[in-house]
Amino acid sequence: MRFAFLLSAFALLVSLAAPAADAPPALPNGWKLEEQPTDPKAAKVVLIAGSNFYKAGEHDYVAGVTVLADLLKQTPNVAPVIAIDWPTNPETLKNARAVVFLFDGGDKHGILKGEKGNRLAEVGKLLDGGAGFVQLHQTADYPKDFGDRARNLVGGAWEAKHSLRAHWVSEFKDFPEHPITRGVTPFTIDDGYLWKLKFVPEMKGVTPLLRTVNPKSKDDPKANDAIIAWAYDRPEGGRSFVFTGGHLHKSFAEDGYRRFLTNGILWAAGVDVPKEGAPVKLDAADLPNYLTKPPAKAPAKK
């Protein structure tokens, strides 16, 4: 069954999108919104960020995708393209090798917005063509009615009344053999995770990559409930990668964290990951420069 057909079945349940912000946030480091690659042979990776943010450094979606774009462009023949909320240029998603989501989930999920489910159709067309699909943090959370369709897309999904959210410090030092873990060094992050997810039957096509449990609990760290990152080989072709952490911007200071996410996006896009892992040079001192600045408050009335 094709992805477009699966997604169209849900389209009647999709509400109209909320009005877009009048002025989307400016991008740091000289990035321009939806600037198209000049090399048609380059692997185009479209990163879609939510325009909203909780506060500087937390759920700062635009900051996160801009860092990822700077990391991805270090790999030859990879062309990141940044969009906010959803692409407005019809050329942006055209021929994309992968699409990356970093925005709110649940009933606010960006893929469930749009007139008459057109976003569902756009993503379905991409995945039918074998494009990679990457979901970060809250985008692993779908309404329950969409759970089975989400699992078909990415292998697993967060569901209300079953799955959980939590925040703790995790040390990741043991990694399975997989292209996504190439060159990944141990890293420790203070992060918020979506966990106790529901996966496809028998975990078919799912390769768990990271697990974590509350260090104060007696939960089994090897159980499937502890999975917070995985690779998924879709049954009809194409690759998906999911990491349910990503709450704090400061985690990008960790070399292993940067390489893990960058490798995952490259793998999903069908780009060969080097044996030593992708290049991910970044000066941690520059991270604050990526943060979204809150809009200026109107002067108080006299």
C-alpha atoms as a PDB file:
ATOM      1  CA  MET A   1       0.000   0.000   0.000  1.00  0.00           C
ATOM      2  CA  ARG A   2       1.417   3.341  -1.001  1.00  0.00           C
ATOM      3  CA  PHE A   3       2.118   6.092   1.550  1.00  0.00           C
ATOM      4  CA  ALA A   4       0.026   8.631  -0.332  1.00  0.00           C
ATOM      5  CA  PHE A   5      -2.982   6.314  -0.145  1.00  0.00           C
ATOM      6  CA  LEU A   6      -2.450   5.702   3.564  1.00  0.00           C
ATOM      7  CA  LEU A   7      -2.166   9.382   4.313  1.00  0.00           C
ATOM      8  CA  SER A   8      -5.177  10.395   2.229  1.00  0.00           C
ATOM      9  CA  ALA A   9      -7.388   8.219   4.416  1.00  0.00           C
ATOM     10  CA  PHE A  10      -6.608  10.565   7.286  1.00  0.00           C
ATOM     11  CA  ALA A  11      -6.963  13.786   5.344  1.00  0.00           C
ATOM     12  CA  LEU A  12     -10.658  14.265   6.158  1.00  0.00           C
ATOM     13  CA  LEU A  13      -9.752  14.486   9.848  1.00  0.00           C
ATOM     14  CA  VAL A  14      -7.201  17.237   9.360  1.00  0.00           C
ATOM     15  CA  SER A  15      -8.105  20.745  10.502  1.00  0.00           C
ATOM     16  CA  LEU A  16      -7.141  23.923   8.694  1.00  0.00           C
ATOM     17  CA  ALA A  17      -3.765  25.398   9.526  1.00  0.00           C
ATOM     18  CA  ALA A  18      -3.491  28.196  12.071  1.00  0.00           C
ATOM     19  CA  PRO A  19      -2.655  31.604  10.608  1.00  0.00           C
ATOM     20  CA  ALA A  20       1.033  32.015   9.916  1.00  0.00           C
ATOM     21  CA  ALA A  21       3.069  34.607  11.765  1.00  0.00           C
ATOM     22  CA  ASP A  22       3.330  37.952   9.995  1.00  0.00           C
ATOM     23  CA  ALA A  23       7.120  37.912  10.076  1.00  0.00           C
ATOM     24  CA  PRO A  24       8.997  34.614  10.441  1.00  0.00           C
ATOM     25  CA  PRO A  25      12.134  34.760  12.567  1.00  0.00           C
ATOM     26  CA  ALA A  26      15.330  35.684  10.779  1.00  0.00           C
ATOM     27  CA  LEU A  27      17.876  32.923  10.334  1.00  0.00           C
ATOM     28  CA  PRO A  28      21.352  33.173  11.870  1.00  0.00           C
ATOM     29  CA  ASN A  29      24.705  32.613  10.188  1.00  0.00           C
ATOM     30  CA  GLY A  30      23.621  34.055   6.866  1.00  0.00           C
ATOM     31  CA  TRP A  31      21.048  31.376   6.059  1.00  0.00           C
ATOM     32  CA  LYS A  32      18.140  32.371   3.852  1.00  0.00           C
ATOM     33  CA  LEU A  33      14.704  30.825   3.969  1.00  0.00           C
ATOM     34  CA  GLU A  34      14.097  28.175   1.319  1.00  0.00           C
ATOM     35  CA  GLU A  35      17.213  29.016  -0.668  1.00  0.00           C
ATOM     36  CA  GLN A  36      17.444  26.314  -3.332  1.00  0.00           C
ATOM     37  CA  PRO A  37      20.633  24.346  -4.112  1.00  0.00           C
ATOM     38  CA  THR A  38      22.676  25.552  -7.053  1.00  0.00           C
ATOM     39  CA  ASP A  39      23.984  22.048  -7.790  1.00  0.00           C
ATOM     40  CA  PRO A  40      21.181  19.797  -9.075  1.00  0.00           C
ATOM     41  CA  LYS A  41      23.243  16.727  -8.181  1.00  0.00           C
ATOM     42  CA  ALA A  42      23.529  17.662  -4.500  1.00  0.00           C
ATOM     43  CA  ALA A  43      21.459  15.734  -1.969  1.00  0.00           C
ATOM     44  CA  LYS A  44      18.824  18.243  -0.889  1.00  0.00           C
ATOM     45  CA  VAL A  45      17.808  17.941   2.758  1.00  0.00           C
ATOM     46  CA  VAL A  46      14.834  20.082   3.767  1.00  0.00           C
ATOM     47  CA  LEU A  47      14.728  21.040   7.442  1.00  0.00           C
ATOM     48  CA  ILE A  48      11.373  22.355   8.653  1.00  0.00           C
ATOM     49  CA  ALA A  49      11.318  24.254  11.949  1.00  0.00           C
ATOM     50  CA  GLY A  50       8.391  25.529  13.952  1.00  0.00           C
ATOM     51  CA  SER A  51       8.390  29.319  14.274  1.00  0.00           C
ATOM     52  CA  ASN A  52       7.328  29.196  17.923  1.00  0.00           C
ATOM     53  CA  PHE A  53       9.622  28.416  20.839  1.00  0.00           C
ATOM     54  CA  TYR A  54       9.248  27.845  24.555  1.00  0.00           C
ATOM     55  CA  LYS A  55      12.097  30.114  25.538  1.00  0.00           C
ATOM     56  CA  ALA A  56      15.616  30.775  24.338  1.00  0.00           C
ATOM     57  CA  GLY A  57      17.484  27.497  24.325  1.00  0.00           C
ATOM     58  CA  GLU A  58      14.425  25.300  24.936  1.00  0.00           C
ATOM     59  CA  HIS A  59      12.234  24.034  22.115  1.00  0.00           C
ATOM     60  CA  ASP A  60      14.047  26.604  20.011  1.00  0.00           C
ATOM     61  CA  TYR A  61      13.243  24.935  16.726  1.00  0.00           C
ATOM     62  CA  VAL A  62      14.697  27.514  14.349  1.00  0.00           C
ATOM     63  CA  ALA A  63      17.980  27.548  16.267  1.00  0.00           C
ATOM     64  CA  GLY A  64      18.107  23.757  16.181  1.00  0.00           C
ATOM     65  CA  VAL A  65      17.600  23.316  12.448  1.00  0.00           C
ATOM     66  CA  THR A  66      20.074  26.088  11.674  1.00  0.00           C
ATOM     67  CA  VAL A  67      22.775  24.303  13.663  1.00  0.00           C
ATOM     68  CA  LEU A  68      21.901  21.076  11.855  1.00  0.00           C
ATOM     69  CA  ALA A  69      22.106  22.854   8.498  1.00  0.00           C
ATOM     70  CA  ASP A  70      25.581  24.144   9.364  1.00  0.00           C
ATOM     71  CA  LEU A  71      26.622  20.612  10.302  1.00  0.00           C
ATOM     72  CA  LEU A  72      25.117  18.959   7.226  1.00  0.00           C
ATOM     73  CA  LYS A  73      26.773  21.340   4.774  1.00  0.00           C
ATOM     74  CA  GLN A  74      30.170  20.106   5.975  1.00  0.00           C
ATOM     75  CA  THR A  75      29.517  16.850   4.100  1.00  0.00           C
ATOM     76  CA  PRO A  76      30.334  17.226   0.388  1.00  0.00           C
ATOM     77  CA  ASN A  77      27.406  17.260  -2.040  1.00  0.00           C
ATOM     78  CA  VAL A  78      24.784  17.796   0.657  1.00  0.00           C
ATOM     79  CA  ALA A  79      22.577  20.878   0.349  1.00  0.00           C
ATOM     80  CA  PRO A  80      20.463  21.806   3.385  1.00  0.00           C
ATOM     81  CA  VAL A  81      17.384  23.974   2.832  1.00  0.00           C
ATOM     82  CA  ILE A  82      15.575  25.601   5.763  1.00  0.00           C
ATOM     83  CA  ALA A  83      11.837  26.274   5.894  1.00  0.00           C
ATOM     84  CA  ILE A  84       9.760  27.654   8.750  1.00  0.00           C
ATOM     85  CA  ASP A  85       6.423  26.083   9.714  1.00  0.00           C
ATOM     86  CA  TRP A  86       6.019  24.672   6.187  1.00  0.00           C
ATOM     87  CA  PRO A  87       7.604  25.413   2.799  1.00  0.00           C
ATOM     88  CA  THR A  88       5.922  28.213   0.870  1.00  0.00           C
ATOM     89  CA  ASN A  89       7.954  27.700  -2.306  1.00  0.00           C
ATOM     90  CA  PRO A  90       6.711  24.658  -4.288  1.00  0.00           C
ATOM     91  CA  GLU A  91      10.307  23.985  -5.362  1.00  0.00           C
ATOM     92  CA  THR A  92      11.501  23.412  -1.796  1.00  0.00           C
ATOM     93  CA  LEU A  93      10.230  19.867  -1.322  1.00  0.00           C
ATOM     94  CA  LYS A  94      10.703  18.936  -4.966  1.00  0.00           C
ATOM     95  CA  ASN A  95      13.376  16.227  -5.353  1.00  0.00           C
ATOM     96  CA  ALA A  96      14.271  16.366  -1.657  1.00  0.00           C
ATOM     97  CA  ARG A  97      16.357  13.405  -0.563  1.00  0.00           C
ATOM     98  CA  ALA A  98      15.135  13.802   3.014  1.00  0.00           C
ATOM     99  CA  VAL A  99      12.839  15.982   5.073  1.00  0.00           C
ATOM    100  CA  VAL A 100      13.543  16.782   8.728  1.00  0.00           C
ATOM    101  CA  PHE A 101      10.840  17.819  11.187  1.00  0.00           C
ATOM    102  CA  LEU A 102      11.486  19.863  14.345  1.00  0.00           C
ATOM    103  CA  PHE A 103       8.308  21.490  15.636  1.00  0.00           C
ATOM    104  CA  ASP A 104       5.381  20.866  17.975  1.00  0.00           C
ATOM    105  CA  GLY A 105       3.624  17.515  18.014  1.00  0.00           C
ATOM    106  CA  GLY A 106       0.290  16.074  19.082  1.00  0.00           C
ATOM    107  CA  ASP A 107      -2.766  17.993  17.894  1.00  0.00           C
ATOM    108  CA  LYS A 108      -0.429  20.833  16.856  1.00  0.00           C
ATOM    109  CA  HIS A 109       1.663  18.569  14.613  1.00  0.00           C
ATOM    110  CA  GLY A 110       2.703  20.468  11.504  1.00  0.00           C
ATOM    111  CA  ILE A 111       2.038  17.581   9.137  1.00  0.00           C
ATOM    112  CA  LEU A 112      -1.608  17.556  10.207  1.00  0.00           C
ATOM    113  CA  LYS A 113      -2.155  21.177   9.257  1.00  0.00           C
ATOM    114  CA  GLY A 114      -2.746  22.615   5.838  1.00  0.00           C
ATOM    115  CA  GLU A 115      -5.799  22.955   3.652  1.00  0.00           C
ATOM    116  CA  LYS A 116      -7.584  19.633   3.042  1.00  0.00           C
ATOM    117  CA  GLY A 117      -4.615  17.587   4.152  1.00  0.00           C
ATOM    118  CA  ASN A 118      -2.270  18.855   1.449  1.00  0.00           C
ATOM    119  CA  ARG A 119       0.756  18.464   3.731  1.00  0.00           C
ATOM    120  CA  LEU A 120      -0.042  14.802   4.182  1.00  0.00           C
ATOM    121  CA  ALA A 121      -0.155  14.402   0.434  1.00  0.00           C
ATOM    122  CA  GLU A 122       3.147  16.230  -0.045  1.00  0.00           C
ATOM    123  CA  VAL A 123       4.952  14.031   2.460  1.00  0.00           C
ATOM    124  CA  GLY A 124       3.296  10.915   1.073  1.00  0.00           C
ATOM    125  CA  LYS A 125       4.537  11.726  -2.414  1.00  0.00           C
ATOM    126  CA  LEU A 126       8.069  12.248  -1.134  1.00  0.00           C
ATOM    127  CA  LEU A 127       8.130   8.982   0.780  1.00  0.00           C
ATOM    128  CA  ASP A 128       6.602   7.074  -2.128  1.00  0.00           C
ATOM    129  CA  GLY A 129       9.660   8.190  -4.073  1.00  0.00           C
ATOM    130  CA  GLY A 130      12.002   6.826  -1.397  1.00  0.00           C
ATOM    131  CA  ALA A 131      12.896  10.067   0.370  1.00  0.00           C
ATOM    132  CA  GLY A 132      14.152   9.892   3.931  1.00  0.00           C
ATOM    133  CA  PHE A 133      12.024  11.024   6.852  1.00  0.00           C
ATOM    134  CA  VAL A 134      13.518  12.402  10.080  1.00  0.00           C
ATOM    135  CA  GLN A 135      11.546  13.289  13.196  1.00  0.00           C
ATOM    136  CA  LEU A 136      13.122  15.063  16.143  1.00  0.00           C
ATOM    137  CA  HIS A 137      11.737  15.608  19.643  1.00  0.00           C
ATOM    138  CA  GLN A 138       8.029  16.540  19.768  1.00  0.00           C
ATOM    139  CA  THR A 139       7.364  15.504  16.177  1.00  0.00           C
ATOM    140  CA  ALA A 140       7.296  11.871  17.334  1.00  0.00           C
ATOM    141  CA  ASP A 141       4.002  12.703  19.102  1.00  0.00           C
ATOM    142  CA  TYR A 142       0.863  12.118  17.020  1.00  0.00           C
ATOM    143  CA  PRO A 143      -2.841  12.091  17.842  1.00  0.00           C
ATOM    144  CA  LYS A 144      -3.976   8.558  18.646  1.00  0.00           C
ATOM    145  CA  ASP A 145      -6.109   8.372  15.497  1.00  0.00           C
ATOM    146  CA  PHE A 146      -2.946   8.810  13.446  1.00  0.00           C
ATOM    147  CA  GLY A 147      -0.790   6.359  15.403  1.00  0.00           C
ATOM    148  CA  ASP A 148      -0.862   3.433  12.985  1.00  0.00           C
ATOM    149  CA  ARG A 149      -0.131   5.656  10.000  1.00  0.00           C
ATOM    150  CA  ALA A 150       2.741   7.305  11.851  1.00  0.00           C
ATOM    151  CA  ARG A 151       4.221   3.910  12.673  1.00  0.00           C
ATOM    152  CA  ASN A 152       4.084   2.989   9.009  1.00  0.00           C
ATOM    153  CA  LEU A 153       6.084   6.128   8.247  1.00  0.00           C
ATOM    154  CA  VAL A 154       8.718   5.981  10.962  1.00  0.00           C
ATOM    155  CA  GLY A 155       8.347   2.691  12.836  1.00  0.00           C
ATOM    156  CA  GLY A 156       7.116   4.089  16.153  1.00  0.00           C
ATOM    157  CA  ALA A 157       5.070   6.879  17.683  1.00  0.00           C
ATOM    158  CA  TRP A 158       4.232   8.519  20.994  1.00  0.00           C
ATOM    159  CA  GLU A 159       0.600   8.079  22.009  1.00  0.00           C
ATOM    160  CA  ALA A 160      -1.357   9.727  24.805  1.00  0.00           C
ATOM    161  CA  LYS A 161      -2.480   7.489  27.688  1.00  0.00           C
ATOM    162  CA  HIS A 162       0.292   5.016  26.852  1.00  0.00           C
ATOM    163  CA  SER A 163       3.546   6.862  26.240  1.00  0.00           C
ATOM    164  CA  LEU A 164       5.386   9.108  28.677  1.00  0.00           C
ATOM    165  CA  ARG A 165       7.488  12.267  28.812  1.00  0.00           C
ATOM    166  CA  ALA A 166      10.379  12.810  31.179  1.00  0.00           C
ATOM    167  CA  HIS A 167      13.525  14.860  31.692  1.00  0.00           C
ATOM    168  CA  TRP A 168      16.811  13.634  33.142  1.00  0.00           C
ATOM    169  CA  VAL A 169      20.556  13.488  32.534  1.00  0.00           C
ATOM    170  CA  SER A 170      21.647  10.578  30.335  1.00  0.00           C
ATOM    171  CA  GLU A 171      25.072   9.242  29.487  1.00  0.00           C
ATOM    172  CA  PHE A 172      25.281   7.452  26.149  1.00  0.00           C
ATOM    173  CA  LYS A 173      28.407   5.375  25.710  1.00  0.00           C
ATOM    174  CA  ASP A 174      27.371   2.064  24.146  1.00  0.00           C
ATOM    175  CA  PHE A 175      26.182   2.136  20.547  1.00  0.00           C
ATOM    176  CA  PRO A 176      25.064  -0.666  18.216  1.00  0.00           C
ATOM    177  CA  GLU A 177      26.878  -1.172  14.941  1.00  0.00           C
ATOM    178  CA  HIS A 178      25.047   0.928  12.368  1.00  0.00           C
ATOM    179  CA  PRO A 179      26.005   3.669   9.881  1.00  0.00           C
ATOM    180  CA  ILE A 180      24.320   6.224  12.155  1.00  0.00           C
ATOM    181  CA  THR A 181      26.657   5.408  15.036  1.00  0.00           C
ATOM    182  CA  ARG A 182      29.881   5.650  13.021  1.00  0.00           C
ATOM    183  CA  GLY A 183      32.366   7.871  14.782  1.00  0.00           C
ATOM    184  CA  VAL A 184      29.895   8.708  17.548  1.00  0.00           C
ATOM    185  CA  THR A 185      31.787   9.275  20.791  1.00  0.00           C
ATOM    186  CA  PRO A 186      30.177   8.972  24.237  1.00  0.00           C
ATOM    187  CA  PHE A 187      28.119  11.984  25.250  1.00  0.00           C
ATOM    188  CA  THR A 188      26.109  13.150  28.233  1.00  0.00           C
ATOM    189  CA  ILE A 189      23.066  15.392  27.864  1.00  0.00           C
ATOM    190  CA  ASP A 190      20.422  16.872  30.121  1.00  0.00           C
ATOM    191  CA  ASP A 191      17.377  16.302  27.951  1.00  0.00           C
ATOM    192  CA  GLY A 192      13.637  15.789  27.758  1.00  0.00           C
ATOM    193  CA  TYR A 193      12.559  12.559  26.087  1.00  0.00           C
ATOM    194  CA  LEU A 194       9.418  11.001  24.695  1.00  0.00           C
ATOM    195  CA  TRP A 195       9.545   7.337  25.696  1.00  0.00           C
ATOM    196  CA  LYS A 196       7.483   4.188  26.186  1.00  0.00           C
ATOM    197  CA  LEU A 197       6.541   4.461  22.542  1.00  0.00           C
ATOM    198  CA  LYS A 198       4.413   2.132  20.449  1.00  0.00           C
ATOM    199  CA  PHE A 199       6.307   0.439  17.626  1.00  0.00           C
ATOM    200  CA  VAL A 200       5.351  -1.584  14.567  1.00  0.00           C
ATOM    201  CA  PRO A 201       4.508  -5.263  15.219  1.00  0.00           C
ATOM    202  CA  GLU A 202       7.552  -7.369  16.100  1.00  0.00           C
ATOM    203  CA  MET A 203       9.728  -4.239  15.686  1.00  0.00           C
ATOM    204  CA  LYS A 204      10.089  -5.222  12.041  1.00  0.00           C
ATOM    205  CA  GLY A 205      12.486  -2.850  10.289  1.00  0.00           C
ATOM    206  CA  VAL A 206      13.301  -0.993  13.522  1.00  0.00           C
ATOM    207  CA  THR A 207      16.903  -0.761  14.735  1.00  0.00           C
ATOM    208  CA  PRO A 208      17.093   0.720  18.262  1.00  0.00           C
ATOM    209  CA  LEU A 209      20.024   3.133  18.547  1.00  0.00           C
ATOM    210  CA  LEU A 210      19.697   4.830  21.943  1.00  0.00           C
ATOM    211  CA  ARG A 211      17.968   3.801  25.144  1.00  0.00           C
ATOM    212  CA  THR A 212      17.636   5.650  28.436  1.00  0.00           C
ATOM    213  CA  VAL A 213      15.775   5.315  31.716  1.00  0.00           C
ATOM    214  CA  ASN A 214      15.457   7.537  34.743  1.00  0.00           C
ATOM    215  CA  PRO A 215      18.729   6.984  36.652  1.00  0.00           C
ATOM    216  CA  LYS A 216      16.726   7.012  39.900  1.00  0.00           C
ATOM    217  CA  SER A 217      14.361   4.266  38.756  1.00  0.00           C
ATOM    218  CA  LYS A 218      14.636   0.489  38.543  1.00  0.00           C
ATOM    219  CA  ASP A 219      13.375   0.395  34.955  1.00  0.00           C
ATOM    220  CA  ASP A 220      15.118  -2.025  32.602  1.00  0.00           C
ATOM    221  CA  PRO A 221      17.572   0.040  30.509  1.00  0.00           C
ATOM    222  CA  LYS A 222      17.473  -2.620  27.767  1.00  0.00           C
ATOM    223  CA  ALA A 223      13.689  -2.755  27.426  1.00  0.00           C
ATOM    224  CA  ASN A 224      11.905  -1.445  24.348  1.00  0.00           C
ATOM    225  CA  ASP A 225      10.174   1.126  26.545  1.00  0.00           C
ATOM    226  CA  ALA A 226      13.594   2.754  26.981  1.00  0.00           C
ATOM    227  CA  ILE A 227      14.137   3.354  23.239  1.00  0.00           C
ATOM    228  CA  ILE A 228      14.381   7.043  22.418  1.00  0.00           C
ATOM    229  CA  ALA A 229      16.190   6.881  19.040  1.00  0.00           C
ATOM    230  CA  TRP A 230      15.983   4.405  16.186  1.00  0.00           C
ATOM    231  CA  ALA A 231      16.462   3.798  12.480  1.00  0.00           C
ATOM    232  CA  TYR A 232      13.633   2.389  10.399  1.00  0.00           C
ATOM    233  CA  ASP A 233      13.890   0.654   7.041  1.00  0.00           C
ATOM    234  CA  ARG A 234      10.439   1.222   5.599  1.00  0.00           C
ATOM    235  CA  PRO A 235       8.843  -1.917   4.127  1.00  0.00           C
ATOM    236  CA  GLU A 236       8.161  -0.255   0.778  1.00  0.00           C
ATOM    237  CA  GLY A 237      11.580   1.369   0.547  1.00  0.00           C
ATOM    238  CA  GLY A 238      13.132   4.440   2.069  1.00  0.00           C
ATOM    239  CA  ARG A 239      14.583   5.185   5.470  1.00  0.00           C
ATOM    240  CA  SER A 240      13.378   6.990   8.567  1.00  0.00           C
ATOM    241  CA  PHE A 241      15.287   8.201  11.614  1.00  0.00           C
ATOM    242  CA  VAL A 242      13.806   9.358  14.914  1.00  0.00           C
ATOM    243  CA  PHE A 243      15.314  10.920  18.031  1.00  0.00           C
ATOM    244  CA  THR A 244      12.812  11.937  20.705  1.00  0.00           C
ATOM    245  CA  GLY A 245      15.251  14.102  22.672  1.00  0.00           C
ATOM    246  CA  GLY A 246      16.349  17.539  21.557  1.00  0.00           C
ATOM    247  CA  HIS A 247      14.773  19.743  24.201  1.00  0.00           C
ATOM    248  CA  LEU A 248      17.867  21.818  25.021  1.00  0.00           C
ATOM    249  CA  HIS A 249      19.964  23.742  22.520  1.00  0.00           C
ATOM    250  CA  LYS A 250      23.088  23.414  24.672  1.00  0.00           C
ATOM    251  CA  SER A 251      23.297  19.690  23.864  1.00  0.00           C
ATOM    252  CA  PHE A 252      24.893  20.649  20.535  1.00  0.00           C
ATOM    253  CA  ALA A 253      28.075  21.360  22.495  1.00  0.00           C
ATOM    254  CA  GLU A 254      28.584  17.578  22.668  1.00  0.00           C
ATOM    255  CA  ASP A 255      30.568  16.229  19.709  1.00  0.00           C
ATOM    256  CA  GLY A 256      28.965  12.778  19.915  1.00  0.00           C
ATOM    257  CA  TYR A 257      25.476  14.279  19.990  1.00  0.00           C
ATOM    258  CA  ARG A 258      26.131  16.396  16.892  1.00  0.00           C
ATOM    259  CA  ARG A 259      27.556  13.472  14.964  1.00  0.00           C
ATOM    260  CA  PHE A 260      24.726  11.147  15.969  1.00  0.00           C
ATOM    261  CA  LEU A 261      22.059  13.512  14.636  1.00  0.00           C
ATOM    262  CA  THR A 262      24.013  14.444  11.520  1.00  0.00           C
ATOM    263  CA  ASN A 263      24.762  10.810  10.690  1.00  0.00           C
ATOM    264  CA  GLY A 264      21.089   9.970  11.169  1.00  0.00           C
ATOM    265  CA  ILE A 265      19.929  12.619   8.724  1.00  0.00           C
ATOM    266  CA  LEU A 266      22.536  11.624   6.142  1.00  0.00           C
ATOM    267  CA  TRP A 267      21.610   7.950   6.461  1.00  0.00           C
ATOM    268  CA  ALA A 268      17.920   8.733   5.995  1.00  0.00           C
ATOM    269  CA  ALA A 269      18.793  10.759   2.895  1.00  0.00           C
ATOM    270  CA  GLY A 270      20.684   7.816   1.414  1.00  0.00           C
ATOM    271  CA  VAL A 271      24.041   9.561   1.714  1.00  0.00           C
ATOM    272  CA  ASP A 272      26.974   7.310   2.594  1.00  0.00           C
ATOM    273  CA  VAL A 273      28.140   7.949   6.144  1.00  0.00           C
ATOM    274  CA  PRO A 274      31.968   7.892   6.374  1.00  0.00           C
ATOM    275  CA  LYS A 275      33.585   5.240   8.575  1.00  0.00           C
ATOM    276  CA  GLU A 276      34.733   7.989  10.919  1.00  0.00           C
ATOM    277  CA  GLY A 277      31.299   9.604  10.875  1.00  0.00           C
ATOM    278  CA  ALA A 278      30.202  12.904   9.386  1.00  0.00           C
ATOM    279  CA  PRO A 279      32.255  16.069   9.972  1.00  0.00           C
ATOM    280  CA  VAL A 280      30.565  18.144  12.671  1.00  0.00           C
ATOM    281  CA  LYS A 281      32.905  21.016  13.492  1.00  0.00           C
ATOM    282  CA  LEU A 282      31.328  23.599  15.760  1.00  0.00           C
ATOM    283  CA  ASP A 283      32.650  25.988  18.378  1.00  0.00           C
ATOM    284  CA  ALA A 284      30.397  25.591  21.410  1.00  0.00           C
ATOM    285  CA  ALA A 285      30.979  29.267  22.178  1.00  0.00           C
ATOM    286  CA  ASP A 286      28.984  30.102  19.034  1.00  0.00           C
ATOM    287  CA  LEU A 287      25.837  28.263  20.127  1.00  0.00           C
ATOM    288  CA  PRO A 288      24.197  31.321  21.762  1.00  0.00           C
ATOM    289  CA  ASN A 289      24.419  33.108  18.408  1.00  0.00           C
ATOM    290  CA  TYR A 290      21.835  30.694  17.003  1.00  0.00           C
ATOM    291  CA  LEU A 291      19.183  31.337  19.639  1.00  0.00           C
ATOM    292  CA  THR A 292      15.883  32.890  18.647  1.00  0.00           C
ATOM    293  CA  LYS A 293      15.410  36.329  20.124  1.00  0.00           C
ATOM    294  CA  PRO A 294      11.956  37.005  21.585  1.00  0.00           C
ATOM    295  CA  PRO A 295      10.013  39.820  19.905  1.00  0.00           C
ATOM    296  CA  ALA A 296      10.544  43.229  21.430  1.00  0.00           C
ATOM    297  CA  LYS A 297       7.860  44.239  23.882  1.00  0.00           C
ATOM    298  CA  ALA A 298       5.734  47.226  22.982  1.00  0.00           C
ATOM    299  CA  PRO A 299       6.517  50.267  25.128  1.00  0.00           C
ATOM    300  CA  ALA A 300       4.189  50.714  28.059  1.00  0.00           C
ATOM    301  CA  LYS A 301       1.415  53.199  27.540  1.00  0.00           C
ATOM    302  CA  LYS A 302       1.749  56.369  29.557  1.00  0.00           C
END
